[in-house]
Amino acid sequence: MPAKIRLQRHGKKGLGLFHIVVADGRAPRDGKLIERIGTYNPNTNPATIDINSDKALTWLQNGAQPTDTCRAILSYKGVLYRQHLQGGVAKGAFTQEEADKRFEKWTNEKQGKIDAKRGTLASSYVAEAKKRMEAEQARKEAVSQKVAEKTSALAAEAEAAVAAAPVAEVTEEAAAAEATAENEAPAAE
């Protein structure tokens, strides 16, 4: 069975991290491996891929077959394009310098696209956070307005109740009787 370039799962449930490995095709997914050539973290946006492209290219030239996911990863990182260019050099279609220039141009374009995506994601995150803050501020203002209306209504009711209540006149005799009752109560104890 030929060697395969595939993913080996690590990490916890729901947050998988993967090693990109070269393994025998008969070995289990997380079993024995021949060589580890990189890592892949799909939990970030864009996904974080760290791969030793020279080792991957060597394995591809020696006949290792990548799985579908690894083929996409190798294509994304330019390893398959380098293999294609090396084939052109071997056939004499162009020189190694020309192949290096083409690969450098492709790498710069790819990095520009990745940076543009990161910038777009960052700006959209900032805009979304600003939008959430404005919505929260509007909700706070609406609640404070309702509270102000209720307190003003309660204050108006209290003033109306005070105005409607008859004012009791306190006579001097009633005040003197209250004062004597208060003085006598402690003496009884």
N, C-alpha and C. Protein backbone atom coordinates (compact mmCIF):
# COMPACT_ATOMS: atom_id res chain seq x y z
N MET A 1 0.85 -1.18 0.00
CA MET A 1 0.00 0.00 0.00
C MET A 1 0.90 1.24 0.00
N PRO A 2 0.60 2.24 -0.83
CA PRO A 2 1.46 3.43 -0.87
C PRO A 2 1.26 4.30 0.37
N ALA A 3 2.21 5.17 0.58
CA ALA A 3 2.12 6.12 1.69
C ALA A 3 1.02 7.13 1.38
N LYS A 4 0.37 7.59 2.43
CA LYS A 4 -0.69 8.58 2.28
C LYS A 4 -0.35 9.82 3.09
N ILE A 5 -0.69 10.96 2.55
CA ILE A 5 -0.59 12.22 3.30
C ILE A 5 -2.00 12.49 3.78
N ARG A 6 -2.17 12.51 5.10
CA ARG A 6 -3.53 12.65 5.64
C ARG A 6 -3.49 13.38 6.97
N LEU A 7 -4.68 13.59 7.53
CA LEU A 7 -4.81 14.30 8.80
C LEU A 7 -4.89 13.30 9.94
N GLN A 8 -4.29 13.68 11.06
CA GLN A 8 -4.36 12.90 12.29
C GLN A 8 -4.98 13.81 13.34
N ARG A 9 -6.13 13.40 13.90
CA ARG A 9 -6.89 14.26 14.79
C ARG A 9 -6.29 14.33 16.19
N HIS A 10 -6.26 15.53 16.73
CA HIS A 10 -5.87 15.79 18.11
C HIS A 10 -6.82 16.86 18.63
N GLY A 11 -6.72 17.21 19.89
CA GLY A 11 -7.58 18.24 20.45
C GLY A 11 -8.79 17.62 21.12
N LYS A 12 -9.61 18.48 21.72
CA LYS A 12 -10.76 17.96 22.45
C LYS A 12 -12.01 17.98 21.58
N LYS A 13 -13.06 17.44 22.13
CA LYS A 13 -14.33 17.30 21.42
C LYS A 13 -14.84 18.68 20.99
N GLY A 14 -15.13 18.80 19.73
CA GLY A 14 -15.65 20.06 19.21
C GLY A 14 -14.57 21.05 18.81
N LEU A 15 -13.33 20.85 19.22
CA LEU A 15 -12.23 21.75 18.89
C LEU A 15 -11.05 20.94 18.37
N GLY A 16 -11.25 20.28 17.26
CA GLY A 16 -10.22 19.41 16.72
C GLY A 16 -9.07 20.19 16.13
N LEU A 17 -7.87 19.74 16.42
CA LEU A 17 -6.64 20.22 15.79
C LEU A 17 -6.06 19.02 15.07
N PHE A 18 -5.47 19.24 13.93
CA PHE A 18 -5.00 18.13 13.13
C PHE A 18 -3.53 18.26 12.81
N HIS A 19 -2.83 17.12 12.82
CA HIS A 19 -1.46 17.05 12.34
C HIS A 19 -1.54 16.53 10.91
N ILE A 20 -0.77 17.12 10.03
CA ILE A 20 -0.67 16.61 8.67
C ILE A 20 0.50 15.63 8.67
N VAL A 21 0.21 14.37 8.40
CA VAL A 21 1.22 13.33 8.53
C VAL A 21 1.31 12.50 7.25
N VAL A 22 2.45 11.82 7.14
CA VAL A 22 2.64 10.81 6.10
C VAL A 22 2.57 9.48 6.83
N ALA A 23 1.65 8.61 6.40
CA ALA A 23 1.46 7.33 7.08
C ALA A 23 1.21 6.25 6.04
N ASP A 24 1.40 5.02 6.46
CA ASP A 24 1.08 3.88 5.61
C ASP A 24 -0.44 3.88 5.39
N GLY A 25 -0.88 3.54 4.20
CA GLY A 25 -2.30 3.55 3.87
C GLY A 25 -3.12 2.58 4.70
N ARG A 26 -2.48 1.53 5.26
CA ARG A 26 -3.19 0.53 6.06
C ARG A 26 -3.27 0.91 7.54
N ALA A 27 -2.51 1.90 7.97
CA ALA A 27 -2.49 2.30 9.38
C ALA A 27 -3.79 3.04 9.72
N PRO A 28 -4.26 2.90 10.98
CA PRO A 28 -5.48 3.62 11.37
C PRO A 28 -5.25 5.14 11.38
N ARG A 29 -6.35 5.88 11.43
CA ARG A 29 -6.28 7.34 11.35
C ARG A 29 -5.31 7.95 12.34
N ASP A 30 -5.44 7.58 13.60
CA ASP A 30 -4.58 8.15 14.64
C ASP A 30 -3.47 7.18 15.04
N GLY A 31 -3.16 6.24 14.17
CA GLY A 31 -2.17 5.22 14.48
C GLY A 31 -0.76 5.63 14.11
N LYS A 32 0.03 4.62 13.76
CA LYS A 32 1.44 4.80 13.47
C LYS A 32 1.62 5.70 12.25
N LEU A 33 2.59 6.59 12.32
CA LEU A 33 2.87 7.48 11.22
C LEU A 33 4.33 7.37 10.82
N ILE A 34 4.63 7.80 9.61
CA ILE A 34 6.01 7.79 9.14
C ILE A 34 6.68 9.11 9.47
N GLU A 35 5.99 10.22 9.16
CA GLU A 35 6.57 11.54 9.42
C GLU A 35 5.45 12.57 9.55
N ARG A 36 5.66 13.50 10.46
CA ARG A 36 4.72 14.61 10.63
C ARG A 36 5.27 15.79 9.85
N ILE A 37 4.44 16.35 8.94
CA ILE A 37 4.93 17.43 8.09
C ILE A 37 4.23 18.77 8.33
N GLY A 38 3.24 18.81 9.22
CA GLY A 38 2.60 20.09 9.48
C GLY A 38 1.41 19.98 10.41
N THR A 39 0.73 21.13 10.61
CA THR A 39 -0.47 21.18 11.44
C THR A 39 -1.56 21.96 10.70
N TYR A 40 -2.80 21.69 11.11
CA TYR A 40 -3.96 22.34 10.52
C TYR A 40 -4.96 22.63 11.63
N ASN A 41 -5.35 23.90 11.78
CA ASN A 41 -6.32 24.30 12.79
C ASN A 41 -7.51 24.95 12.10
N PRO A 42 -8.62 24.22 11.94
CA PRO A 42 -9.78 24.78 11.25
C PRO A 42 -10.64 25.68 12.14
N ASN A 43 -10.28 25.83 13.42
CA ASN A 43 -11.10 26.60 14.35
C ASN A 43 -10.91 28.10 14.19
N THR A 44 -9.85 28.54 13.52
CA THR A 44 -9.62 29.97 13.31
C THR A 44 -10.21 30.36 11.96
N ASN A 45 -10.38 31.65 11.74
CA ASN A 45 -10.89 32.13 10.46
C ASN A 45 -9.95 33.20 9.95
N PRO A 46 -9.23 33.02 8.87
CA PRO A 46 -9.10 31.81 8.06
C PRO A 46 -8.33 30.73 8.81
N ALA A 47 -8.48 29.49 8.36
CA ALA A 47 -7.86 28.35 9.03
C ALA A 47 -6.34 28.54 9.07
N THR A 48 -5.74 28.10 10.19
CA THR A 48 -4.30 28.21 10.36
C THR A 48 -3.65 26.93 9.84
N ILE A 49 -2.76 27.09 8.89
CA ILE A 49 -2.06 25.94 8.31
C ILE A 49 -0.57 26.21 8.40
N ASP A 50 0.15 25.30 9.05
CA ASP A 50 1.60 25.39 9.16
C ASP A 50 2.15 24.09 8.59
N ILE A 51 2.84 24.17 7.47
CA ILE A 51 3.31 22.95 6.80
C ILE A 51 4.73 23.16 6.29
N ASN A 52 5.52 22.11 6.38
CA ASN A 52 6.86 22.12 5.81
C ASN A 52 6.69 21.73 4.34
N SER A 53 6.66 22.73 3.46
CA SER A 53 6.34 22.48 2.06
C SER A 53 7.43 21.67 1.35
N ASP A 54 8.68 21.79 1.80
CA ASP A 54 9.75 21.01 1.17
C ASP A 54 9.56 19.52 1.42
N LYS A 55 9.24 19.16 2.66
CA LYS A 55 9.01 17.75 2.98
C LYS A 55 7.78 17.22 2.25
N ALA A 56 6.73 18.03 2.21
CA ALA A 56 5.50 17.62 1.53
C ALA A 56 5.77 17.40 0.04
N LEU A 57 6.54 18.31 -0.57
CA LEU A 57 6.87 18.18 -1.99
C LEU A 57 7.70 16.92 -2.23
N THR A 58 8.63 16.65 -1.34
CA THR A 58 9.45 15.44 -1.48
C THR A 58 8.59 14.19 -1.42
N TRP A 59 7.66 14.15 -0.47
CA TRP A 59 6.79 12.98 -0.36
C TRP A 59 5.89 12.83 -1.57
N LEU A 60 5.38 13.95 -2.09
CA LEU A 60 4.54 13.89 -3.29
C LEU A 60 5.34 13.36 -4.48
N GLN A 61 6.59 13.80 -4.62
CA GLN A 61 7.42 13.34 -5.73
C GLN A 61 7.81 11.87 -5.58
N ASN A 62 7.82 11.38 -4.33
CA ASN A 62 8.13 9.97 -4.09
C ASN A 62 6.89 9.08 -4.21
N GLY A 63 5.72 9.65 -4.49
CA GLY A 63 4.54 8.85 -4.75
C GLY A 63 3.50 8.81 -3.64
N ALA A 64 3.63 9.61 -2.60
CA ALA A 64 2.62 9.64 -1.54
C ALA A 64 1.33 10.25 -2.10
N GLN A 65 0.20 9.64 -1.74
CA GLN A 65 -1.11 10.10 -2.23
C GLN A 65 -1.82 10.89 -1.14
N PRO A 66 -2.15 12.17 -1.37
CA PRO A 66 -2.87 12.92 -0.35
C PRO A 66 -4.36 12.58 -0.36
N THR A 67 -4.98 12.64 0.80
CA THR A 67 -6.43 12.49 0.88
C THR A 67 -7.07 13.76 0.29
N ASP A 68 -8.37 13.76 0.14
CA ASP A 68 -9.04 14.91 -0.46
C ASP A 68 -8.80 16.19 0.34
N THR A 69 -8.94 16.11 1.66
CA THR A 69 -8.74 17.29 2.50
C THR A 69 -7.30 17.75 2.44
N CYS A 70 -6.37 16.81 2.51
CA CYS A 70 -4.96 17.19 2.44
C CYS A 70 -4.60 17.74 1.07
N ARG A 71 -5.24 17.23 0.03
CA ARG A 71 -4.99 17.77 -1.31
C ARG A 71 -5.43 19.25 -1.35
N ALA A 72 -6.57 19.55 -0.75
CA ALA A 72 -7.04 20.94 -0.71
C ALA A 72 -6.08 21.81 0.10
N ILE A 73 -5.58 21.29 1.22
CA ILE A 73 -4.64 22.05 2.05
C ILE A 73 -3.33 22.28 1.29
N LEU A 74 -2.82 21.24 0.64
CA LEU A 74 -1.57 21.38 -0.11
C LEU A 74 -1.74 22.34 -1.29
N SER A 75 -2.91 22.33 -1.90
CA SER A 75 -3.19 23.26 -2.98
C SER A 75 -3.24 24.69 -2.46
N TYR A 76 -3.87 24.87 -1.31
CA TYR A 76 -4.00 26.19 -0.68
C TYR A 76 -2.64 26.78 -0.35
N LYS A 77 -1.73 25.93 0.12
CA LYS A 77 -0.39 26.39 0.49
C LYS A 77 0.59 26.42 -0.69
N GLY A 78 0.19 25.94 -1.86
CA GLY A 78 1.01 26.05 -3.05
C GLY A 78 1.95 24.88 -3.29
N VAL A 79 1.84 23.81 -2.51
CA VAL A 79 2.73 22.67 -2.67
C VAL A 79 2.43 21.96 -3.99
N LEU A 80 1.17 21.80 -4.33
CA LEU A 80 0.82 21.14 -5.60
C LEU A 80 1.24 21.99 -6.80
N TYR A 81 1.17 23.31 -6.66
CA TYR A 81 1.62 24.19 -7.75
C TYR A 81 3.13 24.06 -7.94
N ARG A 82 3.86 23.97 -6.82
CA ARG A 82 5.32 23.77 -6.92
C ARG A 82 5.63 22.44 -7.60
N GLN A 83 4.87 21.41 -7.29
CA GLN A 83 5.08 20.11 -7.92
C GLN A 83 4.83 20.22 -9.43
N HIS A 84 3.79 20.95 -9.79
CA HIS A 84 3.47 21.16 -11.20
C HIS A 84 4.62 21.91 -11.90
N LEU A 85 5.13 22.95 -11.26
CA LEU A 85 6.24 23.71 -11.84
C LEU A 85 7.50 22.84 -11.96
N GLN A 86 7.75 22.01 -10.97
CA GLN A 86 8.93 21.13 -11.03
C GLN A 86 8.80 20.13 -12.19
N GLY A 87 7.59 19.71 -12.48
CA GLY A 87 7.36 18.85 -13.64
C GLY A 87 7.71 19.56 -14.93
N GLY A 88 7.36 20.85 -15.03
CA GLY A 88 7.71 21.65 -16.21
C GLY A 88 9.20 21.82 -16.36
N VAL A 89 9.90 22.00 -15.25
CA VAL A 89 11.35 22.13 -15.28
C VAL A 89 11.98 20.81 -15.73
N ALA A 90 11.45 19.69 -15.23
CA ALA A 90 11.99 18.38 -15.60
C ALA A 90 11.79 18.09 -17.09
N LYS A 91 10.70 18.58 -17.66
CA LYS A 91 10.44 18.36 -19.09
C LYS A 91 11.21 19.35 -19.96
N GLY A 92 11.77 20.40 -19.37
CA GLY A 92 12.53 21.39 -20.13
C GLY A 92 11.66 22.50 -20.69
N ALA A 93 10.44 22.65 -20.20
CA ALA A 93 9.54 23.70 -20.69
C ALA A 93 10.02 25.09 -20.28
N PHE A 94 10.63 25.20 -19.11
CA PHE A 94 11.20 26.45 -18.63
C PHE A 94 12.29 26.14 -17.61
N THR A 95 13.00 27.17 -17.20
CA THR A 95 14.13 26.97 -16.28
C THR A 95 13.66 27.02 -14.83
N GLN A 96 14.56 26.65 -13.94
CA GLN A 96 14.25 26.67 -12.50
C GLN A 96 14.01 28.11 -12.03
N GLU A 97 14.76 29.06 -12.57
CA GLU A 97 14.57 30.48 -12.19
C GLU A 97 13.17 30.96 -12.58
N GLU A 98 12.73 30.57 -13.77
CA GLU A 98 11.37 30.94 -14.22
C GLU A 98 10.32 30.31 -13.31
N ALA A 99 10.56 29.06 -12.91
CA ALA A 99 9.62 28.38 -12.01
C ALA A 99 9.58 29.09 -10.66
N ASP A 100 10.74 29.50 -10.16
CA ASP A 100 10.80 30.21 -8.88
C ASP A 100 10.08 31.56 -8.97
N LYS A 101 10.23 32.26 -10.10
CA LYS A 101 9.54 33.55 -10.28
C LYS A 101 8.03 33.36 -10.30
N ARG A 102 7.59 32.35 -11.03
CA ARG A 102 6.14 32.08 -11.10
C ARG A 102 5.58 31.73 -9.73
N PHE A 103 6.31 30.91 -8.99
CA PHE A 103 5.83 30.53 -7.66
C PHE A 103 5.82 31.73 -6.72
N GLU A 104 6.83 32.59 -6.80
CA GLU A 104 6.89 33.80 -5.95
C GLU A 104 5.71 34.72 -6.27
N LYS A 105 5.40 34.87 -7.55
CA LYS A 105 4.26 35.71 -7.96
C LYS A 105 2.96 35.13 -7.41
N TRP A 106 2.79 33.82 -7.55
CA TRP A 106 1.58 33.17 -7.04
C TRP A 106 1.47 33.34 -5.53
N THR A 107 2.59 33.17 -4.81
CA THR A 107 2.60 33.30 -3.35
C THR A 107 2.19 34.71 -2.92
N ASN A 108 2.71 35.74 -3.61
CA ASN A 108 2.36 37.12 -3.26
C ASN A 108 0.87 37.38 -3.49
N GLU A 109 0.33 36.89 -4.59
CA GLU A 109 -1.10 37.08 -4.86
C GLU A 109 -1.95 36.38 -3.80
N LYS A 110 -1.55 35.16 -3.45
CA LYS A 110 -2.29 34.39 -2.44
C LYS A 110 -2.25 35.09 -1.09
N GLN A 111 -1.08 35.60 -0.71
CA GLN A 111 -0.96 36.30 0.58
C GLN A 111 -1.81 37.57 0.58
N GLY A 112 -1.89 38.25 -0.56
CA GLY A 112 -2.74 39.44 -0.67
C GLY A 112 -4.21 39.10 -0.44
N LYS A 113 -4.65 37.98 -1.01
CA LYS A 113 -6.03 37.54 -0.82
C LYS A 113 -6.31 37.21 0.65
N ILE A 114 -5.36 36.54 1.28
CA ILE A 114 -5.53 36.16 2.69
C ILE A 114 -5.58 37.41 3.57
N ASP A 115 -4.69 38.37 3.31
CA ASP A 115 -4.69 39.62 4.08
C ASP A 115 -5.98 40.40 3.87
N ALA A 116 -6.49 40.40 2.64
CA ALA A 116 -7.75 41.09 2.36
C ALA A 116 -8.89 40.44 3.13
N LYS A 117 -8.90 39.11 3.20
CA LYS A 117 -9.95 38.42 3.94
C LYS A 117 -9.86 38.74 5.42
N ARG A 118 -8.64 38.74 5.96
CA ARG A 118 -8.47 39.09 7.39
C ARG A 118 -8.95 40.51 7.66
N GLY A 119 -8.61 41.44 6.76
CA GLY A 119 -9.05 42.83 6.92
C GLY A 119 -10.56 42.95 6.87
N THR A 120 -11.19 42.24 5.94
CA THR A 120 -12.64 42.25 5.82
C THR A 120 -13.30 41.69 7.07
N LEU A 121 -12.75 40.58 7.58
CA LEU A 121 -13.31 39.98 8.79
C LEU A 121 -13.16 40.91 9.98
N ALA A 122 -12.01 41.56 10.09
CA ALA A 122 -11.79 42.47 11.22
C ALA A 122 -12.73 43.67 11.15
N SER A 123 -12.88 44.25 9.95
CA SER A 123 -13.76 45.41 9.82
C SER A 123 -15.23 45.03 10.05
N SER A 124 -15.63 43.84 9.58
CA SER A 124 -17.01 43.43 9.80
C SER A 124 -17.25 43.16 11.28
N TYR A 125 -16.24 42.63 11.98
CA TYR A 125 -16.38 42.41 13.42
C TYR A 125 -16.54 43.73 14.15
N VAL A 126 -15.76 44.73 13.77
CA VAL A 126 -15.86 46.05 14.41
C VAL A 126 -17.22 46.67 14.11
N ALA A 127 -17.67 46.57 12.87
CA ALA A 127 -18.97 47.15 12.51
C ALA A 127 -20.10 46.46 13.26
N GLU A 128 -20.01 45.14 13.39
CA GLU A 128 -21.05 44.41 14.10
C GLU A 128 -21.06 44.76 15.58
N ALA A 129 -19.88 44.91 16.17
CA ALA A 129 -19.81 45.30 17.58
C ALA A 129 -20.39 46.70 17.79
N LYS A 130 -20.12 47.61 16.86
CA LYS A 130 -20.65 48.96 16.95
C LYS A 130 -22.18 48.94 16.84
N LYS A 131 -22.68 48.11 15.94
CA LYS A 131 -24.13 47.98 15.75
C LYS A 131 -24.79 47.43 17.02
N ARG A 132 -24.17 46.43 17.65
CA ARG A 132 -24.71 45.87 18.89
C ARG A 132 -24.71 46.92 20.00
N MET A 133 -23.65 47.72 20.08
CA MET A 133 -23.59 48.76 21.12
C MET A 133 -24.68 49.81 20.91
N GLU A 134 -24.92 50.20 19.65
CA GLU A 134 -25.98 51.17 19.37
C GLU A 134 -27.35 50.61 19.74
N ALA A 135 -27.59 49.33 19.44
CA ALA A 135 -28.87 48.71 19.79
C ALA A 135 -29.03 48.64 21.30
N GLU A 136 -27.97 48.30 22.00
CA GLU A 136 -28.03 48.25 23.46
C GLU A 136 -28.29 49.64 24.05
N GLN A 137 -27.65 50.66 23.49
CA GLN A 137 -27.86 52.03 23.95
C GLN A 137 -29.31 52.45 23.73
N ALA A 138 -29.90 52.08 22.59
CA ALA A 138 -31.30 52.42 22.30
C ALA A 138 -32.22 51.73 23.30
N ARG A 139 -31.93 50.45 23.62
CA ARG A 139 -32.74 49.74 24.62
C ARG A 139 -32.63 50.40 25.99
N LYS A 140 -31.43 50.81 26.37
CA LYS A 140 -31.24 51.48 27.67
C LYS A 140 -32.04 52.78 27.73
N GLU A 141 -32.00 53.55 26.65
CA GLU A 141 -32.75 54.81 26.62
C GLU A 141 -34.25 54.56 26.72
N ALA A 142 -34.74 53.52 26.04
CA ALA A 142 -36.17 53.21 26.09
C ALA A 142 -36.59 52.81 27.50
N VAL A 143 -35.77 52.01 28.17
CA VAL A 143 -36.08 51.58 29.54
C VAL A 143 -36.03 52.77 30.48
N SER A 144 -35.01 53.63 30.35
CA SER A 144 -34.92 54.78 31.25
C SER A 144 -36.08 55.75 31.02
N GLN A 145 -36.55 55.85 29.78
CA GLN A 145 -37.70 56.71 29.50
C GLN A 145 -38.96 56.15 30.16
N LYS A 146 -39.16 54.82 30.10
CA LYS A 146 -40.33 54.21 30.75
C LYS A 146 -40.26 54.41 32.26
N VAL A 147 -39.06 54.25 32.84
CA VAL A 147 -38.90 54.44 34.29
C VAL A 147 -39.21 55.89 34.66
N ALA A 148 -38.74 56.84 33.85
CA ALA A 148 -39.00 58.26 34.13
C ALA A 148 -40.51 58.55 34.05
N GLU A 149 -41.20 57.95 33.08
CA GLU A 149 -42.65 58.15 32.97
C GLU A 149 -43.38 57.60 34.19
N LYS A 150 -42.97 56.42 34.64
CA LYS A 150 -43.63 55.81 35.81
C LYS A 150 -43.39 56.64 37.07
N THR A 151 -42.15 57.10 37.26
CA THR A 151 -41.85 57.90 38.47
C THR A 151 -42.59 59.23 38.44
N SER A 152 -42.70 59.84 37.26
CA SER A 152 -43.44 61.11 37.19
C SER A 152 -44.93 60.87 37.44
N ALA A 153 -45.47 59.74 36.97
CA ALA A 153 -46.88 59.42 37.22
C ALA A 153 -47.12 59.17 38.71
N LEU A 154 -46.19 58.43 39.35
CA LEU A 154 -46.33 58.18 40.79
C LEU A 154 -46.20 59.47 41.60
N ALA A 155 -45.30 60.35 41.18
CA ALA A 155 -45.13 61.62 41.88
C ALA A 155 -46.39 62.47 41.74
N ALA A 156 -47.00 62.45 40.56
CA ALA A 156 -48.23 63.23 40.35
C ALA A 156 -49.36 62.67 41.22
N GLU A 157 -49.44 61.33 41.33
CA GLU A 157 -50.46 60.72 42.18
C GLU A 157 -50.25 61.09 43.64
N ALA A 158 -49.01 61.10 44.07
CA ALA A 158 -48.72 61.44 45.47
C ALA A 158 -49.08 62.90 45.75
N GLU A 159 -48.78 63.80 44.84
CA GLU A 159 -49.13 65.21 45.02
C GLU A 159 -50.65 65.39 45.06
N ALA A 160 -51.35 64.64 44.21
CA ALA A 160 -52.81 64.74 44.19
C ALA A 160 -53.40 64.21 45.49
N ALA A 161 -52.82 63.15 46.04
CA ALA A 161 -53.31 62.60 47.30
C ALA A 161 -53.07 63.56 48.45
N VAL A 162 -51.92 64.19 48.42
CA VAL A 162 -51.61 65.16 49.48
C VAL A 162 -52.53 66.37 49.37
N ALA A 163 -52.82 66.83 48.19
CA ALA A 163 -53.69 67.99 48.01
C ALA A 163 -55.13 67.67 48.39
N ALA A 164 -55.58 66.44 48.17
CA ALA A 164 -56.95 66.06 48.45
C ALA A 164 -57.19 65.79 49.94
N ALA A 165 -56.19 65.46 50.67
CA ALA A 165 -56.35 65.14 52.09
C ALA A 165 -56.62 66.41 52.88
N PRO A 166 -57.63 66.37 53.84
CA PRO A 166 -57.91 67.57 54.65
C PRO A 166 -56.77 67.80 55.63
N VAL A 167 -56.49 69.04 55.82
CA VAL A 167 -55.42 69.40 56.75
C VAL A 167 -56.04 69.48 58.14
N ALA A 168 -55.51 68.68 59.03
CA ALA A 168 -56.03 68.67 60.40
C ALA A 168 -55.33 69.76 61.20
N GLU A 169 -56.16 70.55 61.86
CA GLU A 169 -55.58 71.61 62.67
C GLU A 169 -55.27 71.08 64.05
N VAL A 170 -54.14 71.36 64.48
CA VAL A 170 -53.71 70.88 65.79
C VAL A 170 -53.94 72.02 66.79
N THR A 171 -54.69 71.70 67.75
CA THR A 171 -54.97 72.72 68.76
C THR A 171 -53.94 72.60 69.87
N GLU A 172 -53.84 73.65 70.65
CA GLU A 172 -52.85 73.67 71.73
C GLU A 172 -53.21 72.67 72.81
N GLU A 173 -54.46 72.48 73.05
CA GLU A 173 -54.89 71.53 74.08
C GLU A 173 -54.54 70.10 73.70
N ALA A 174 -54.72 69.73 72.41
CA ALA A 174 -54.42 68.38 71.94
C ALA A 174 -52.91 68.14 72.01
N ALA A 175 -52.12 69.14 71.69
CA ALA A 175 -50.66 69.00 71.73
C ALA A 175 -50.20 68.83 73.17
N ALA A 176 -50.80 69.56 74.11
CA ALA A 176 -50.42 69.44 75.51
C ALA A 176 -50.82 68.08 76.06
N ALA A 177 -51.98 67.54 75.64
CA ALA A 177 -52.43 66.23 76.10
C ALA A 177 -51.49 65.15 75.58
N GLU A 178 -51.01 65.28 74.38
CA GLU A 178 -50.07 64.30 73.82
C GLU A 178 -48.76 64.33 74.59
N ALA A 179 -48.29 65.50 74.90
CA ALA A 179 -47.01 65.64 75.61
C ALA A 179 -47.10 65.02 77.01
N THR A 180 -48.20 65.20 77.73
CA THR A 180 -48.35 64.62 79.07
C THR A 180 -48.46 63.10 79.00
N ALA A 181 -49.09 62.59 77.95
CA ALA A 181 -49.22 61.13 77.79
C ALA A 181 -47.84 60.50 77.55
N GLU A 182 -47.01 61.18 76.82
CA GLU A 182 -45.67 60.66 76.55
C GLU A 182 -44.82 60.69 77.82
N ASN A 183 -44.96 61.71 78.61
CA ASN A 183 -44.18 61.83 79.85
C ASN A 183 -44.62 60.79 80.88
N GLU A 184 -45.88 60.45 80.97
CA GLU A 184 -46.37 59.52 81.96
C GLU A 184 -46.07 58.08 81.60
N ALA A 185 -45.96 57.76 80.34
CA ALA A 185 -45.74 56.38 79.93
C ALA A 185 -44.42 55.82 80.46
N PRO A 186 -43.31 56.50 80.42
CA PRO A 186 -42.07 55.91 80.94
C PRO A 186 -42.10 55.76 82.46
N ALA A 187 -42.81 56.60 83.19
CA ALA A 187 -42.86 56.50 84.64
C ALA A 187 -43.61 55.24 85.06
N ALA A 188 -44.53 54.77 84.29
CA ALA A 188 -45.30 53.60 84.63
C ALA A 188 -44.44 52.34 84.54
N GLU A 189 -43.47 52.34 83.80
CA GLU A 189 -42.62 51.16 83.66
C GLU A 189 -41.78 51.06 84.85
